[in-house]
Protein backbone atom coordinates (compact mmCIF):
# COMPACT_ATOMS: atom_id res chain seq x y z
CA MET A 1 -162.58 -47.30 146.68
CA LYS A 2 -165.87 -49.51 145.38
CA PHE A 3 -166.26 -50.44 141.74
CA LYS A 4 -168.26 -52.93 139.75
CA ASN A 5 -166.49 -55.37 137.50
CA LYS A 6 -167.89 -54.37 133.80
CA PHE A 7 -166.36 -57.50 132.25
CA ALA A 8 -168.72 -60.12 134.23
CA SER A 9 -170.27 -61.76 131.83
CA GLU A 10 -172.30 -64.84 131.39
CA TYR A 11 -168.89 -66.64 131.22
CA THR A 12 -167.88 -65.30 134.85
CA ALA A 13 -171.34 -64.90 136.38
CA ASN A 14 -172.15 -68.45 136.47
CA LEU A 15 -169.11 -70.67 137.73
CA GLU A 16 -170.00 -73.79 137.67
CA SER A 17 -171.64 -73.69 134.30
CA HIS A 18 -168.61 -72.57 132.72
CA SER A 19 -165.94 -74.39 134.75
CA ALA A 20 -163.39 -76.96 133.22
CA SER A 21 -164.93 -79.83 134.78
CA GLU A 22 -168.71 -78.85 133.69
CA LEU A 23 -168.05 -78.21 130.29
CA ALA A 24 -166.06 -81.48 129.55
CA LYS A 25 -169.02 -83.36 131.19
CA ASN A 26 -171.55 -81.61 129.10
CA PHE A 27 -169.16 -82.02 125.51
CA LYS A 28 -168.79 -85.65 126.60
CA SER A 29 -172.37 -86.24 126.85
CA GLY A 30 -173.43 -84.27 123.75
CA LYS A 31 -175.63 -81.68 125.90
CA SER A 32 -173.70 -78.87 124.26
CA SER A 33 -171.14 -78.71 121.40
CA PRO A 34 -167.60 -77.21 121.63
CA LYS A 35 -167.97 -75.64 118.65
CA GLU A 36 -171.12 -73.82 119.36
CA TYR A 37 -169.80 -72.86 122.86
CA LEU A 38 -166.36 -71.56 121.21
CA LYS A 39 -168.66 -69.19 118.48
CA ASP A 40 -169.92 -67.48 121.89
CA LEU A 41 -166.78 -67.49 123.54
CA PHE A 42 -165.19 -65.80 120.90
CA GLU A 43 -167.71 -63.29 120.59
CA ASN A 44 -167.23 -62.41 124.33
CA ILE A 45 -163.25 -62.40 123.92
CA GLU A 46 -163.44 -60.06 120.86
CA LYS A 47 -165.65 -57.50 122.71
CA LEU A 48 -163.62 -57.45 125.92
CA ASN A 49 -159.88 -57.91 124.64
CA PRO A 50 -159.76 -54.66 123.17
CA GLU A 51 -159.82 -52.89 126.55
CA LEU A 52 -158.27 -55.65 128.91
CA ASN A 53 -155.31 -56.32 126.23
CA ALA A 54 -154.78 -60.19 127.78
CA LEU A 55 -154.78 -62.08 124.75
CA THR A 56 -151.80 -61.28 122.09
CA SER A 57 -153.62 -63.76 119.63
CA LEU A 58 -157.08 -65.82 119.26
CA GLN A 59 -156.26 -68.85 116.85
CA LYS A 60 -159.81 -69.59 115.93
CA GLU A 61 -159.21 -71.35 112.67
CA TYR A 62 -157.57 -73.98 114.76
CA ALA A 63 -159.70 -73.91 117.63
CA PHE A 64 -162.85 -74.75 115.29
CA ALA A 65 -160.82 -77.41 113.50
CA LYS A 66 -159.76 -79.37 116.78
CA ALA A 67 -163.37 -78.92 117.90
CA GLU A 68 -164.82 -80.42 114.86
CA GLU A 69 -162.31 -83.03 115.24
CA LEU A 70 -163.49 -83.92 118.81
CA GLU A 71 -166.87 -83.91 117.88
CA ALA A 72 -165.99 -86.64 115.62
CA THR A 73 -164.45 -88.71 118.31
CA ARG A 74 -165.71 -90.94 120.91
CA ALA A 75 -164.79 -89.60 124.66
CA THR A 76 -163.01 -91.44 126.73
CA ASP A 77 -162.14 -91.50 130.66
CA GLU A 78 -158.61 -89.96 129.18
CA HIS A 79 -160.43 -87.00 127.82
CA THR A 80 -160.79 -85.06 130.97
CA LEU A 81 -160.62 -81.77 129.65
CA PHE A 82 -162.69 -82.88 126.45
CA GLY A 83 -163.63 -79.49 124.52
CA VAL A 84 -162.32 -77.23 127.26
CA PRO A 85 -160.82 -74.37 125.82
CA VAL A 86 -157.23 -73.51 127.28
CA ILE A 87 -155.00 -70.15 127.07
CA ILE A 88 -151.44 -70.25 127.33
CA LYS A 89 -148.82 -67.80 128.39
CA GLU A 90 -146.82 -66.31 125.09
CA ASN A 91 -143.62 -67.85 126.20
CA ILE A 92 -144.65 -71.54 125.88
CA GLN A 93 -144.34 -73.36 123.04
CA LYS A 94 -147.21 -74.53 120.84
CA LEU A 95 -146.36 -75.18 117.03
CA ASN A 96 -147.27 -72.45 114.82
CA PHE A 97 -148.89 -70.35 117.69
CA PRO A 98 -146.94 -67.01 118.45
CA LEU A 99 -144.08 -67.37 120.55
CA GLU A 100 -142.86 -63.65 121.20
CA CYS A 101 -142.44 -63.42 124.66
CA ALA A 102 -144.05 -60.04 124.59
CA SER A 103 -140.59 -58.55 123.22
CA LYS A 104 -139.23 -57.03 120.05
CA ILE A 105 -136.48 -59.19 119.54
CA LEU A 106 -138.95 -62.06 118.77
CA LYS A 107 -141.45 -60.06 116.68
CA GLY A 108 -143.30 -62.52 114.44
CA TYR A 109 -141.77 -66.05 115.76
CA LYS A 110 -143.73 -68.67 116.01
CA GLY A 111 -143.50 -71.82 118.02
CA GLN A 112 -141.49 -74.99 116.36
CA PHE A 113 -143.13 -77.54 118.38
CA ASN A 114 -145.55 -78.65 121.27
CA ALA A 115 -144.46 -77.92 125.03
CA THR A 116 -144.72 -80.85 126.94
CA ALA A 117 -147.47 -79.61 128.87
CA VAL A 118 -149.54 -78.59 125.60
CA SER A 119 -149.05 -82.04 124.51
CA SER A 120 -150.61 -83.01 127.55
CA LEU A 121 -153.60 -80.77 127.46
CA GLU A 122 -154.25 -81.66 123.80
CA LYS A 123 -154.05 -85.55 124.75
CA ALA A 124 -156.78 -84.83 127.37
CA GLY A 125 -159.00 -83.01 124.65
CA ALA A 126 -158.48 -79.55 125.66
CA ILE A 127 -158.68 -76.91 122.77
CA LEU A 128 -156.00 -74.47 122.90
CA ILE A 129 -157.47 -70.92 121.73
CA GLY A 130 -154.78 -68.09 121.80
CA THR A 131 -151.78 -66.68 123.89
CA ALA A 132 -151.84 -64.34 126.43
CA ASN A 133 -149.73 -60.90 127.04
CA MET A 134 -146.99 -60.98 129.63
CA ASP A 135 -143.81 -59.12 130.96
CA GLU A 136 -141.08 -59.10 128.17
CA PHE A 137 -139.43 -62.66 128.65
CA ALA A 138 -141.50 -62.95 132.18
CA MET A 139 -139.40 -60.30 133.70
CA GLY A 140 -141.88 -58.27 135.68
CA SER A 141 -144.47 -58.05 138.15
CA ALA A 142 -147.23 -55.81 136.99
CA ASN A 143 -147.13 -56.25 133.36
CA GLU A 144 -146.29 -52.97 132.47
CA HIS A 145 -143.13 -54.51 130.79
CA SER A 146 -144.67 -55.57 127.61
CA ALA A 147 -144.25 -55.08 123.93
CA HIS A 148 -147.66 -55.63 123.41
CA GLY A 149 -148.96 -53.04 125.79
CA VAL A 150 -150.10 -53.29 129.41
CA VAL A 151 -152.69 -55.79 130.71
CA LYS A 152 -155.41 -54.11 132.58
CA ASN A 153 -157.03 -55.55 135.77
CA PRO A 154 -160.79 -56.65 135.13
CA HIS A 155 -161.80 -55.29 138.45
CA ASP A 156 -160.43 -52.08 137.80
CA THR A 157 -158.88 -50.94 134.91
CA SER A 158 -156.68 -48.14 136.08
CA ARG A 159 -154.78 -50.91 137.66
CA VAL A 160 -152.32 -53.68 137.00
CA SER A 161 -153.14 -57.01 136.37
CA GLY A 162 -149.80 -58.60 138.03
CA GLY A 163 -146.82 -60.27 136.17
CA SER A 164 -145.25 -61.51 134.52
CA SER A 165 -148.35 -63.87 133.76
CA GLY A 166 -150.86 -60.96 134.14
CA GLY A 167 -152.69 -61.90 130.41
CA SER A 168 -153.13 -65.46 131.31
CA ALA A 169 -154.64 -64.29 134.89
CA VAL A 170 -157.03 -61.65 133.48
CA ALA A 171 -158.17 -63.94 130.56
CA CYS A 172 -159.00 -66.33 133.50
CA ALA A 173 -160.73 -64.07 135.62
CA ALA A 174 -162.70 -62.37 132.63
CA GLY A 175 -163.82 -65.78 131.31
CA PHE A 176 -162.04 -65.92 128.11
CA ALA A 177 -160.89 -69.93 129.23
CA PRO A 178 -161.82 -71.60 132.44
CA LEU A 179 -158.29 -72.64 132.41
CA THR A 180 -154.68 -70.78 131.37
CA LEU A 181 -151.17 -71.41 131.42
CA GLY A 182 -148.55 -69.00 132.97
CA SER A 183 -144.85 -69.30 134.01
CA ASP A 184 -144.10 -68.81 137.78
CA THR A 185 -140.18 -67.81 138.15
CA GLY A 186 -140.52 -65.52 141.22
CA GLY A 187 -144.15 -65.42 141.77
CA SER A 188 -145.15 -64.81 138.24
CA VAL A 189 -148.81 -66.93 138.52
CA ARG A 190 -149.39 -66.57 142.09
CA GLN A 191 -149.24 -62.69 142.16
CA PRO A 192 -151.57 -62.02 139.36
CA ALA A 193 -153.89 -64.71 140.59
CA GLY A 194 -153.92 -62.83 143.93
CA PHE A 195 -154.37 -59.59 141.95
CA CYS A 196 -157.03 -60.89 140.16
CA GLY A 197 -158.92 -62.90 142.33
CA ILE A 198 -158.72 -66.26 141.17
CA PHE A 199 -156.32 -69.43 141.85
CA GLY A 200 -152.95 -69.73 141.15
CA ILE A 201 -150.42 -72.70 141.96
CA LYS A 202 -146.85 -73.16 141.34
CA PRO A 203 -145.89 -76.80 141.67
CA THR A 204 -142.99 -78.32 142.84
CA TYR A 205 -139.73 -77.43 141.19
CA GLY A 206 -139.93 -80.43 138.32
CA ARG A 207 -143.18 -81.53 138.90
CA VAL A 208 -144.70 -80.25 135.63
CA SER A 209 -142.11 -80.60 132.62
CA ARG A 210 -140.51 -77.47 131.55
CA TYR A 211 -139.82 -78.64 127.63
CA GLY A 212 -140.99 -76.12 125.76
CA LEU A 213 -140.79 -73.12 128.09
CA VAL A 214 -138.67 -70.25 126.99
CA ALA A 215 -136.17 -69.89 129.84
CA PHE A 216 -135.65 -66.99 132.17
CA GLY A 217 -134.15 -68.68 135.11
CA SER A 218 -133.67 -72.29 134.45
CA SER A 219 -133.62 -73.33 138.18
CA LEU A 220 -136.87 -71.39 139.06
CA ASP A 221 -139.28 -71.66 136.23
CA GLN A 222 -142.08 -73.76 136.71
CA ILE A 223 -144.88 -73.70 134.16
CA SER A 224 -148.19 -72.99 136.55
CA PRO A 225 -151.83 -73.07 136.27
CA PHE A 226 -154.63 -70.34 136.64
CA ALA A 227 -158.09 -71.63 137.46
CA ARG A 228 -161.50 -70.13 139.10
CA ASN A 229 -162.04 -73.01 141.13
CA VAL A 230 -159.94 -75.70 142.86
CA THR A 231 -161.46 -78.54 141.28
CA ASP A 232 -160.43 -77.02 137.74
CA LEU A 233 -156.79 -76.91 139.38
CA ASP A 234 -156.77 -80.59 140.20
CA ILE A 235 -158.16 -81.63 136.80
CA ILE A 236 -154.89 -80.06 135.33
CA MET A 237 -152.53 -80.91 137.61
CA LYS A 238 -153.49 -84.49 136.99
CA THR A 239 -153.14 -83.83 133.41
CA MET A 240 -149.86 -82.04 133.18
CA ALA A 241 -147.68 -83.22 136.17
CA HIS A 242 -146.12 -86.67 135.22
CA GLU A 243 -142.17 -87.33 134.34
CA ASP A 244 -141.10 -86.16 131.36
CA SER A 245 -137.72 -87.75 129.44
CA LYS A 246 -137.19 -84.58 127.50
CA ASP A 247 -136.91 -82.70 130.52
CA ALA A 248 -134.05 -83.71 132.77
CA THR A 249 -135.02 -81.63 135.87
CA CYS A 250 -138.68 -83.39 135.93
CA LEU A 251 -139.66 -85.35 138.80
CA LYS A 252 -140.50 -89.08 138.35
CA GLY A 253 -143.88 -90.56 138.75
CA SER A 254 -147.36 -88.37 138.34
CA TYR A 255 -149.81 -86.34 140.56
CA GLU A 256 -151.92 -88.17 142.52
CA SER A 257 -155.04 -86.27 143.48
CA GLN A 258 -156.01 -85.78 147.13
CA LEU A 259 -159.08 -83.30 146.32
CA ASN A 260 -161.61 -85.03 148.96
CA HIS A 261 -159.35 -86.53 151.41
CA VAL A 262 -157.53 -83.36 153.02
CA SER A 263 -159.24 -82.21 156.33
CA LEU A 264 -158.88 -78.96 157.95
CA LYS A 265 -158.89 -80.37 161.37
CA GLY A 266 -155.91 -81.07 163.27
CA LYS A 267 -153.98 -79.18 160.52
CA LYS A 268 -150.87 -77.15 161.81
CA ILE A 269 -149.73 -74.02 160.00
CA GLY A 270 -146.49 -72.14 160.32
CA VAL A 271 -146.83 -68.20 160.17
CA LEU A 272 -143.79 -65.93 159.40
CA ARG A 273 -144.89 -63.63 161.88
CA SER A 274 -141.94 -61.62 161.76
CA ILE A 275 -141.82 -60.27 158.13
CA LEU A 276 -145.33 -59.03 158.17
CA LYS A 277 -144.76 -56.15 160.72
CA GLU A 278 -143.85 -53.92 158.26
CA GLY A 279 -145.24 -53.07 154.60
CA VAL A 280 -148.08 -54.80 154.30
CA ASP A 281 -151.40 -53.03 153.56
CA ASP A 282 -154.26 -53.00 156.15
CA ASN A 283 -156.42 -54.78 153.53
CA VAL A 284 -154.48 -57.54 153.16
CA MET A 285 -153.74 -58.12 156.76
CA ALA A 286 -157.33 -57.92 157.59
CA GLU A 287 -158.06 -60.94 155.33
CA PHE A 288 -154.89 -62.36 156.16
CA SER A 289 -155.94 -62.27 159.97
CA LYS A 290 -159.87 -63.18 159.02
CA LEU A 291 -158.88 -66.58 157.25
CA GLU A 292 -156.85 -67.44 160.31
CA GLU A 293 -159.50 -66.96 162.94
CA ASN A 294 -161.62 -68.31 160.74
CA LEU A 295 -159.23 -71.87 160.73
CA LYS A 296 -158.71 -71.55 164.34
CA LYS A 297 -162.41 -72.07 164.42
CA ARG A 298 -162.24 -75.52 162.58
CA GLY A 299 -159.87 -77.10 164.64
CA VAL A 300 -156.22 -75.60 162.76
CA THR A 301 -153.33 -74.89 165.20
CA PHE A 302 -151.56 -71.79 164.23
CA VAL A 303 -147.58 -71.42 165.30
CA ASP A 304 -144.85 -68.56 164.79
CA ILE A 305 -142.07 -69.91 163.02
CA GLU A 306 -138.69 -68.22 161.89
CA ILE A 307 -136.69 -68.59 158.71
CA PRO A 308 -133.95 -66.58 159.10
CA SER A 309 -132.40 -66.46 155.87
CA LEU A 310 -135.68 -64.97 154.57
CA GLU A 311 -134.04 -61.57 155.03
CA HIS A 312 -131.81 -61.95 152.16
CA THR A 313 -134.64 -63.34 149.86
CA LEU A 314 -134.52 -60.54 147.10
CA SER A 315 -130.97 -59.94 147.22
CA VAL A 316 -130.34 -63.93 146.42
CA TYR A 317 -133.16 -64.13 143.84
CA TYR A 318 -132.43 -61.13 141.75
CA LEU A 319 -128.59 -62.51 141.97
CA ILE A 320 -129.32 -65.66 140.54
CA ALA A 321 -132.57 -65.14 138.32
CA CYS A 322 -130.43 -62.26 136.84
CA ALA A 323 -127.48 -64.44 136.02
CA GLU A 324 -129.69 -67.34 134.63
CA ALA A 325 -131.48 -64.98 132.67
CA SER A 326 -127.98 -63.31 131.21
CA THR A 327 -127.05 -66.79 130.40
CA ASN A 328 -130.34 -68.08 128.89
CA LEU A 329 -131.04 -64.94 126.80
CA SER A 330 -127.54 -65.12 125.02
CA ARG A 331 -129.03 -67.11 122.33
CA PHE A 332 -131.06 -63.98 121.05
CA ASP A 333 -128.35 -62.46 118.90
CA GLY A 334 -129.99 -61.79 115.37
CA ILE A 335 -128.23 -64.56 114.02
CA ARG A 336 -130.30 -67.76 114.36
CA PHE A 337 -134.09 -66.23 115.03
CA GLY A 338 -135.97 -62.95 115.83
CA HIS A 339 -135.25 -59.49 115.36
CA ARG A 340 -131.91 -58.59 113.48
CA ALA A 341 -130.17 -55.01 113.05
CA GLN A 342 -129.96 -53.71 109.60
CA ASN A 343 -126.65 -51.95 107.91
CA THR A 344 -124.57 -53.17 110.54
CA GLU A 345 -120.71 -53.00 110.35
CA ASP A 346 -119.42 -56.48 111.61
CA LEU A 347 -120.51 -58.96 114.02
CA PHE A 348 -119.84 -57.24 117.07
CA ASP A 349 -122.28 -54.31 115.50
CA LEU A 350 -124.68 -56.88 114.80
CA TYR A 351 -125.07 -58.33 118.42
CA CYS A 352 -124.92 -54.80 120.13
CA ARG A 353 -127.41 -53.39 118.04
CA THR A 354 -129.85 -56.46 117.66
CA ARG A 355 -129.82 -56.33 121.50
CA SER A 356 -129.63 -52.86 122.16
CA GLU A 357 -133.35 -52.40 119.58
CA GLY A 358 -134.73 -55.98 120.58
CA PHE A 359 -134.70 -55.68 124.32
CA GLY A 360 -136.84 -53.53 126.58
CA LYS A 361 -135.20 -51.87 129.62
CA GLU A 362 -136.40 -54.02 132.57
CA VAL A 363 -134.74 -57.19 130.37
CA LYS A 364 -131.62 -55.22 129.69
CA ARG A 365 -131.28 -53.97 133.10
CA ARG A 366 -131.73 -57.83 134.54
CA ILE A 367 -129.14 -59.02 131.77
CA MET A 368 -126.51 -56.42 132.88
CA LEU A 369 -126.79 -57.09 136.61
CA GLY A 370 -126.50 -61.05 135.81
CA THR A 371 -123.42 -60.47 133.63
CA PHE A 372 -121.45 -58.48 136.19
CA SER A 373 -122.61 -60.98 138.97
CA LEU A 374 -121.27 -64.03 136.83
CA SER A 375 -118.06 -61.98 135.55
CA ALA A 376 -114.33 -62.76 136.59
CA GLY A 377 -113.61 -61.42 139.99
CA PHE A 378 -117.59 -61.11 141.35
CA TYR A 379 -118.54 -64.83 140.74
CA ASP A 380 -117.86 -66.03 144.18
CA ALA A 381 -118.68 -62.63 146.10
CA PHE A 382 -122.36 -62.29 144.51
CA TYR A 383 -122.99 -65.30 142.50
CA GLY A 384 -121.48 -68.49 144.41
CA LYS A 385 -122.69 -66.44 147.74
CA ALA A 386 -126.33 -66.04 146.58
CA GLN A 387 -126.38 -69.87 145.77
CA ALA A 388 -124.76 -70.78 149.19
CA VAL A 389 -127.60 -68.76 151.11
CA ARG A 390 -130.34 -70.42 148.88
CA ASP A 391 -129.18 -73.77 149.91
CA LEU A 392 -129.59 -72.48 153.49
CA MET A 393 -133.11 -71.32 152.88
CA SER A 394 -133.66 -74.77 151.54
CA ARG A 395 -132.38 -76.44 154.44
CA GLN A 396 -134.45 -74.00 157.06
CA PHE A 397 -137.89 -74.84 155.10
CA ASP A 398 -137.18 -78.36 155.23
CA GLU A 399 -136.38 -77.91 159.13
CA ALA A 400 -140.10 -75.73 159.53
CA PHE A 401 -141.82 -78.37 157.59
CA LYS A 402 -141.16 -81.09 160.25
CA SER A 403 -142.97 -79.39 162.35
CA VAL A 404 -145.62 -77.95 160.46
CA ASP A 405 -147.75 -78.72 157.46
CA TYR A 406 -148.22 -75.56 155.31
CA ILE A 407 -146.44 -72.21 155.80
CA TYR A 408 -148.64 -69.23 155.77
CA LEU A 409 -148.20 -65.77 154.14
CA PRO A 410 -150.07 -63.17 151.93
CA THR A 411 -149.56 -63.67 148.50
CA SER A 412 -148.61 -60.16 147.90
CA PRO A 413 -147.80 -57.00 150.50
CA ALA A 414 -151.01 -55.04 148.77
CA SER A 415 -153.65 -55.56 146.24
CA ALA A 416 -153.13 -54.34 142.28
CA PHE A 417 -151.86 -50.75 142.13
CA HIS A 418 -152.29 -48.17 139.94
CA PHE A 419 -150.26 -47.93 136.65
CA GLY A 420 -147.17 -45.94 136.49
CA ILE A 421 -146.52 -45.86 140.39
CA ASN A 422 -143.71 -48.68 140.09
CA ALA A 423 -142.82 -49.03 136.34
CA PHE A 424 -139.90 -46.62 136.96
CA ASP A 425 -138.83 -47.81 140.28
CA PRO A 426 -137.63 -51.22 139.80
CA ILE A 427 -136.93 -51.72 143.57
CA LYS A 428 -140.18 -50.99 144.71
CA GLU A 429 -141.65 -53.15 142.11
CA TYR A 430 -139.61 -56.22 143.38
CA LEU A 431 -140.74 -55.64 146.68
CA TYR A 432 -144.40 -57.07 145.27
CA ASP A 433 -142.55 -60.33 145.15
CA VAL A 434 -140.96 -60.60 148.62
CA PHE A 435 -143.60 -63.03 149.89
CA THR A 436 -143.60 -65.64 146.91
CA ILE A 437 -140.17 -65.55 145.60
CA PRO A 438 -139.15 -68.08 148.57
CA ALA A 439 -141.06 -70.94 147.13
CA ASN A 440 -139.30 -70.84 143.79
CA LEU A 441 -135.84 -70.53 145.56
CA THR A 442 -136.71 -73.43 147.77
CA GLY A 443 -138.76 -75.35 145.02
CA VAL A 444 -141.65 -76.06 147.16
CA PRO A 445 -145.14 -75.78 145.95
CA ALA A 446 -147.48 -72.87 146.77
CA ILE A 447 -150.96 -71.77 145.97
CA SER A 448 -152.67 -68.58 145.99
CA VAL A 449 -156.28 -68.44 147.08
CA PRO A 450 -158.64 -65.50 146.59
CA ALA A 451 -159.97 -64.08 150.14
CA PRO A 452 -163.56 -63.50 150.20
CA VAL A 453 -163.37 -59.83 149.94
CA LYS A 454 -166.93 -57.84 150.35
CA ASN A 455 -168.23 -56.79 146.97
CA GLY A 456 -166.45 -53.70 145.48
CA ALA A 457 -163.38 -54.24 147.21
CA LEU A 458 -160.18 -55.01 145.66
CA PRO A 459 -159.22 -58.78 145.32
CA VAL A 460 -156.36 -60.03 147.97
CA GLY A 461 -154.69 -63.00 147.32
CA LEU A 462 -153.45 -65.32 150.47
CA GLN A 463 -150.76 -68.04 149.91
CA PHE A 464 -149.95 -71.31 151.37
CA MET A 465 -146.73 -73.35 150.92
CA ALA A 466 -146.22 -76.94 151.30
CA GLN A 467 -142.97 -79.60 151.86
CA ARG A 468 -141.70 -80.54 148.24
CA GLY A 469 -143.67 -82.88 146.52
CA LYS A 470 -146.95 -82.47 148.48
CA ASP A 471 -149.02 -80.52 145.78
CA ALA A 472 -152.14 -82.57 145.84
CA GLU A 473 -152.23 -82.60 149.36
CA LEU A 474 -151.85 -78.76 149.07
CA ILE A 475 -154.48 -78.52 146.39
CA GLY A 476 -156.61 -81.00 148.68
CA PHE A 477 -156.41 -78.15 151.93
CA ALA A 478 -157.37 -75.40 149.06
CA ALA A 479 -160.57 -77.57 148.15
CA ALA A 480 -161.59 -77.99 151.99
CA LEU A 481 -161.18 -73.99 152.50
CA GLU A 482 -163.25 -73.69 149.47
CA LYS A 483 -165.89 -76.16 150.63
CA GLU A 484 -165.97 -74.08 153.96
CA HIS A 485 -166.36 -71.16 151.94
CA LEU A 486 -163.16 -69.40 153.37
CA VAL A 487 -162.02 -68.53 149.90
CA ALA A 488 -163.97 -66.52 147.12
CA THR A 489 -165.80 -69.10 144.97
CA THR A 490 -167.12 -66.96 142.49
CA PRO A 491 -165.94 -64.04 140.45
CA LEU A 492 -165.76 -60.77 142.33
CA VAL A 493 -168.17 -58.09 140.55
């Protein structure tokens, strides 16, 4: 099927002019004005967003006030994102911005403080302009589980955007902002990045502070960025990736860019060939193989590797993630914040009715599964065993990285699918995360890069994983791919 992206605009047609790096440069020099840029940008967003449904709020008044403030400020070297518009997922705290997590139970709730990532962006001069749609409480792979309605793929509006950070992915791909933030618990940034034809990275667990992120799976969640080019991805990682005393899981040290210091020649890449034999669509395998062959021509060595524990990926992930979700979402009880059921008989009735009315089907499904796996008599058999397999998987990944620089997989087994196909079949939907989940379970960094597909073809995401802590090297590798034109460097129209 061929199509034309009718959402292509001047904001996506000229990638370089509307990149974060170019905008910051122009705003600093006075060549253009953040306020004037925002006027045109908001007009574009208000024209396109009603159909795409990517944004849940557009904070125009706040953005213009920040633009005026910046225009009266003398830019310094620290202002790496001076005047650059940024959109955040609706589960990241920003004072007085909506924090509904796409759920009825938090309808009308607003951020009470700034997440560390948000504070870092604003310190660098970024202007937060709105919040993005998502799967409810970040639970989903298609952005079909949202109280705000589905998010449509800008390349074909009959297809899903991917999830759970679908709104952030579409906002970036459609030119609403050069940089957007999502959260990645099992692939929730990389998968929609692949579906929408842009870049998305899940950093090493703890590399970016989680302070201010509404928790789904605390040992898996990671605030993660989207961008339309690798340079912008590098800039936002330098801005956000630093230690934070407010997050006990945050790593020490900071991100040191290797943008122009990673060569393709001599790299050794492991391929998990055995798990690609079934269930991967032909168009995805074609792009996967094409990049492999092109890299071989540039001096890259590929070796087949095995990580036996990966056969348990989905089982381990959904036991651990749902158990943590059951615990984290217990705070939404109708007492402290959010929706509260009316005319209840007693406290127990208040809890039951509030949560029944406020949570969607997918969230309820995961809470029940998690509660069951943590219950007396089943904890060791399910949750405990899942954690043991997770530890084994981490050791096997560590062993694999002793002999290879990166591990290569498709981002998803297929390109974006049509609405409704998997919405009522959770097991089928969960399978779309089979290649992204291992990075969350093991804590390693992973990046989805867009394959340079033919004009009119559906986007395909290709994924590379690196050893824990090697986020900068991984982005440097992606930059080398971009320099060699082995990945898509412009939006697909």
